Each structure stands twice: as C-alpha cells, then as structure tokens.
C-alpha atoms as a PDB file:
ATOM      1  CA  UNK A   1     -11.837 -60.251  18.123  1.00  0.00           C
ATOM      2  CA  UNK A   2     -13.633 -57.049  19.036  1.00  0.00           C
ATOM      3  CA  UNK A   3     -14.562 -54.279  16.424  1.00  0.00           C
ATOM      4  CA  UNK A   4     -12.074 -51.820  17.916  1.00  0.00           C
ATOM      5  CA  UNK A   5      -9.240 -54.534  17.590  1.00  0.00           C
ATOM      6  CA  UNK A   6     -10.278 -55.243  13.976  1.00  0.00           C
ATOM      7  CA  UNK A   7     -10.307 -51.634  13.045  1.00  0.00           C
ATOM      8  CA  UNK A   8      -6.896 -51.214  14.656  1.00  0.00           C
ATOM      9  CA  UNK A   9      -5.601 -54.142  12.766  1.00  0.00           C
ATOM     10  CA  UNK A  10      -6.809 -52.766   9.473  1.00  0.00           C
ATOM     11  CA  UNK A  11      -5.330 -49.236  10.107  1.00  0.00           C
ATOM     12  CA  UNK A  12      -1.991 -50.806  11.152  1.00  0.00           C
ATOM     13  CA  UNK A  13      -1.886 -52.719   7.812  1.00  0.00           C
ATOM     14  CA  UNK A  14      -2.209 -49.324   6.199  1.00  0.00           C
ATOM     15  CA  UNK A  15       0.764 -47.980   7.928  1.00  0.00           C
ATOM     16  CA  UNK A  16      -0.762 -45.931  10.716  1.00  0.00           C
ATOM     17  CA  UNK A  17       0.720 -45.625  14.239  1.00  0.00           C
ATOM     18  CA  UNK A  18      -1.841 -46.274  16.840  1.00  0.00           C
ATOM     19  CA  UNK A  19      -2.525 -46.209  20.550  1.00  0.00           C
ATOM     20  CA  UNK A  20      -5.340 -47.715  22.470  1.00  0.00           C
ATOM     21  CA  UNK A  21      -6.455 -46.298  25.798  1.00  0.00           C
ATOM     22  CA  UNK A  22      -9.691 -46.081  27.818  1.00  0.00           C
ATOM     23  CA  UNK A  23     -11.814 -47.384  25.046  1.00  0.00           C
ATOM     24  CA  UNK A  24     -10.577 -45.089  22.286  1.00  0.00           C
ATOM     25  CA  UNK A  25      -8.266 -45.681  19.312  1.00  0.00           C
ATOM     26  CA  UNK A  26      -5.769 -42.874  18.611  1.00  0.00           C
ATOM     27  CA  UNK A  27      -4.176 -42.593  15.104  1.00  0.00           C
ATOM     28  CA  UNK A  28      -1.120 -40.666  15.719  1.00  0.00           C
ATOM     29  CA  UNK A  29       0.662 -38.107  13.469  1.00  0.00           C
ATOM     30  CA  UNK A  30       4.297 -39.018  12.962  1.00  0.00           C
ATOM     31  CA  UNK A  31       5.782 -35.554  13.852  1.00  0.00           C
ATOM     32  CA  UNK A  32       3.377 -33.530  15.846  1.00  0.00           C
ATOM     33  CA  UNK A  33       1.454 -34.436  18.993  1.00  0.00           C
ATOM     34  CA  UNK A  34      -1.939 -34.434  17.121  1.00  0.00           C
ATOM     35  CA  UNK A  35      -4.278 -37.450  16.666  1.00  0.00           C
ATOM     36  CA  UNK A  36      -7.485 -38.736  15.289  1.00  0.00           C
ATOM     37  CA  UNK A  37      -9.634 -40.080  18.210  1.00  0.00           C
ATOM     38  CA  UNK A  38     -11.982 -43.047  17.341  1.00  0.00           C
ATOM     39  CA  UNK A  39     -14.546 -44.106  19.840  1.00  0.00           C
ATOM     40  CA  UNK A  40     -17.121 -46.894  19.475  1.00  0.00           C
ATOM     41  CA  UNK A  41     -20.484 -46.183  21.104  1.00  0.00           C
ATOM     42  CA  UNK A  42     -22.885 -48.862  20.114  1.00  0.00           C
ATOM     43  CA  UNK A  43     -23.508 -48.845  16.394  1.00  0.00           C
ATOM     44  CA  UNK A  44     -21.942 -45.372  16.192  1.00  0.00           C
ATOM     45  CA  UNK A  45     -18.251 -44.730  15.713  1.00  0.00           C
ATOM     46  CA  UNK A  46     -17.235 -41.195  16.633  1.00  0.00           C
ATOM     47  CA  UNK A  47     -14.129 -39.496  15.054  1.00  0.00           C
ATOM     48  CA  UNK A  48     -12.535 -36.309  16.072  1.00  0.00           C
ATOM     49  CA  UNK A  49      -9.237 -34.624  15.659  1.00  0.00           C
ATOM     50  CA  UNK A  50      -7.412 -33.758  19.047  1.00  0.00           C
ATOM     51  CA  UNK A  51      -4.150 -31.866  19.817  1.00  0.00           C
ATOM     52  CA  UNK A  52      -2.057 -33.867  22.131  1.00  0.00           C
ATOM     53  CA  UNK A  53      -0.127 -32.711  25.146  1.00  0.00           C
ATOM     54  CA  UNK A  54       2.486 -30.183  24.147  1.00  0.00           C
ATOM     55  CA  UNK A  55       0.989 -29.392  20.697  1.00  0.00           C
ATOM     56  CA  UNK A  56       1.417 -25.686  21.013  1.00  0.00           C
ATOM     57  CA  UNK A  57       5.000 -26.047  22.275  1.00  0.00           C
ATOM     58  CA  UNK A  58       5.887 -28.330  19.368  1.00  0.00           C
ATOM     59  CA  UNK A  59       4.741 -25.905  16.800  1.00  0.00           C
ATOM     60  CA  UNK A  60       6.540 -23.063  18.718  1.00  0.00           C
ATOM     61  CA  UNK A  61       9.722 -25.172  18.529  1.00  0.00           C
ATOM     62  CA  UNK A  62       9.264 -25.722  14.837  1.00  0.00           C
ATOM     63  CA  UNK A  63       8.618 -22.047  14.184  1.00  0.00           C
ATOM     64  CA  UNK A  64      11.789 -21.179  16.147  1.00  0.00           C
ATOM     65  CA  UNK A  65      13.779 -23.501  13.896  1.00  0.00           C
ATOM     66  CA  UNK A  66      12.543 -21.522  10.857  1.00  0.00           C
ATOM     67  CA  UNK A  67      10.029 -24.204   9.780  1.00  0.00           C
ATOM     68  CA  UNK A  68       6.803 -23.393   7.761  1.00  0.00           C
ATOM     69  CA  UNK A  69       4.492 -24.367  10.614  1.00  0.00           C
ATOM     70  CA  UNK A  70       1.338 -23.484   8.646  1.00  0.00           C
ATOM     71  CA  UNK A  71       2.411 -26.027   6.026  1.00  0.00           C
ATOM     72  CA  UNK A  72       3.224 -28.567   8.599  1.00  0.00           C
ATOM     73  CA  UNK A  73      -0.055 -28.267  10.469  1.00  0.00           C
ATOM     74  CA  UNK A  74      -1.935 -28.361   7.246  1.00  0.00           C
ATOM     75  CA  UNK A  75      -0.202 -31.522   6.224  1.00  0.00           C
ATOM     76  CA  UNK A  76      -0.855 -33.139   9.593  1.00  0.00           C
ATOM     77  CA  UNK A  77      -4.555 -32.272   9.432  1.00  0.00           C
ATOM     78  CA  UNK A  78      -4.719 -33.663   5.908  1.00  0.00           C
ATOM     79  CA  UNK A  79      -2.979 -36.911   7.066  1.00  0.00           C
ATOM     80  CA  UNK A  80      -5.466 -37.419   9.841  1.00  0.00           C
ATOM     81  CA  UNK A  81      -8.483 -36.485   7.558  1.00  0.00           C
ATOM     82  CA  UNK A  82      -7.393 -39.312   5.185  1.00  0.00           C
ATOM     83  CA  UNK A  83      -7.062 -41.580   8.141  1.00  0.00           C
ATOM     84  CA  UNK A  84     -10.572 -40.831   9.098  1.00  0.00           C
ATOM     85  CA  UNK A  85     -11.807 -41.622   5.620  1.00  0.00           C
ATOM     86  CA  UNK A  86      -9.968 -44.852   5.577  1.00  0.00           C
ATOM     87  CA  UNK A  87     -11.504 -45.737   9.001  1.00  0.00           C
ATOM     88  CA  UNK A  88     -14.900 -44.571   7.664  1.00  0.00           C
ATOM     89  CA  UNK A  89     -14.609 -47.195   4.736  1.00  0.00           C
ATOM     90  CA  UNK A  90     -13.952 -49.924   7.271  1.00  0.00           C
ATOM     91  CA  UNK A  91     -16.785 -48.766   9.648  1.00  0.00           C
ATOM     92  CA  UNK A  92     -19.371 -48.627   6.830  1.00  0.00           C
ATOM     93  CA  UNK A  93     -18.308 -52.013   5.585  1.00  0.00           C
ATOM     94  CA  UNK A  94     -18.983 -53.390   8.971  1.00  0.00           C
ATOM     95  CA  UNK A  95     -22.491 -52.065   9.240  1.00  0.00           C
ATOM     96  CA  UNK A  96     -21.613 -49.345  11.688  1.00  0.00           C
ATOM     97  CA  UNK A  97     -22.321 -45.664  11.432  1.00  0.00           C
ATOM     98  CA  UNK A  98     -19.443 -43.048  11.274  1.00  0.00           C
ATOM     99  CA  UNK A  99     -19.963 -39.833  13.129  1.00  0.00           C
ATOM    100  CA  UNK A 100     -17.496 -37.063  12.036  1.00  0.00           C
ATOM    101  CA  UNK A 101     -16.677 -34.440  14.577  1.00  0.00           C
ATOM    102  CA  UNK A 102     -13.344 -33.271  12.868  1.00  0.00           C
ATOM    103  CA  UNK A 103     -14.244 -29.574  12.580  1.00  0.00           C
ATOM    104  CA  UNK A 104     -14.158 -28.841  16.209  1.00  0.00           C
ATOM    105  CA  UNK A 105     -10.718 -30.327  16.731  1.00  0.00           C
ATOM    106  CA  UNK A 106      -9.375 -28.676  13.589  1.00  0.00           C
ATOM    107  CA  UNK A 107     -10.510 -25.300  14.854  1.00  0.00           C
ATOM    108  CA  UNK A 108      -8.716 -25.855  18.081  1.00  0.00           C
ATOM    109  CA  UNK A 109      -5.527 -26.676  16.211  1.00  0.00           C
ATOM    110  CA  UNK A 110      -5.828 -23.620  13.977  1.00  0.00           C
ATOM    111  CA  UNK A 111      -6.411 -21.384  17.118  1.00  0.00           C
ATOM    112  CA  UNK A 112      -3.233 -22.788  18.710  1.00  0.00           C
ATOM    113  CA  UNK A 113      -1.420 -22.085  15.297  1.00  0.00           C
ATOM    114  CA  UNK A 114      -2.783 -18.557  15.242  1.00  0.00           C
ATOM    115  CA  UNK A 115      -1.500 -17.915  18.845  1.00  0.00           C
ATOM    116  CA  UNK A 116       1.953 -19.095  17.897  1.00  0.00           C
ATOM    117  CA  UNK A 117       2.106 -17.063  14.608  1.00  0.00           C
ATOM    118  CA  UNK A 118       0.752 -13.914  16.528  1.00  0.00           C
ATOM    119  CA  UNK A 119       3.368 -14.329  19.351  1.00  0.00           C
ATOM    120  CA  UNK A 120       6.042 -14.204  16.647  1.00  0.00           C
ATOM    121  CA  UNK A 121       4.712 -10.773  15.410  1.00  0.00           C
ATOM    122  CA  UNK A 122       4.827  -9.071  18.811  1.00  0.00           C
END
C-alpha cells in the first residue's frame, strides 16, 4: 500500500469521512462543506483547512434557521484541527514531516462567517 492509502485507512479507523482526489486526501466535516486537505510531497505532508463549494451558502442557511453559526463554525474548525493532530501523529510515526498551513484556511472560513453575520445586520 502507498503512504496516502495507509493514512486514509488509519483515519477511517478513527471514524473520519474521507475523499481522495487528484493526489489529495480530504477529511470531511459531517455537517458543513469544510475539509482538511492532506497532500504528500516527498517526505513532507502538507495539511490545510479549506472551505468547500457552497460553504458560505451553507452557513447562511443555518443562520436563517436560527442556528448559532459562530458556534457551529468553531466546532467544525476544532473537529478538523483534531483530525490534523491525529494525522500528524501517524505522519511522524512513519518518518515523514508534517507541514501545517491551517491558519490561512481558518482565516478564509472566518471571513466568510463574518460576511454572513454582517449581511444579517443590514
């Protein structure tokens, strides 16, 4: 088996929902179109958080239903951060080097959340 396949098997055993496409593993959030992207590049394994297609619309819908979207987004980011730490453990145990790029994606998610919240105030 390849390293990406082995990592996917490990994460699946931990209960994460996954997709694999174009050489990247995606750890999916169960309720929002938001995911942890994992890419193998030689000995380095890059991890980043990405909003999926329709993310902003999804949080708009939740807000319209009266949900606490700030808490939902916080919980989703926490879930993906924990997944990244689980992946990091596996990566390091296999002699690879994890590279975290979580902040940029988190900022993008918060910016979308802020836009939705501001639209509601107008």
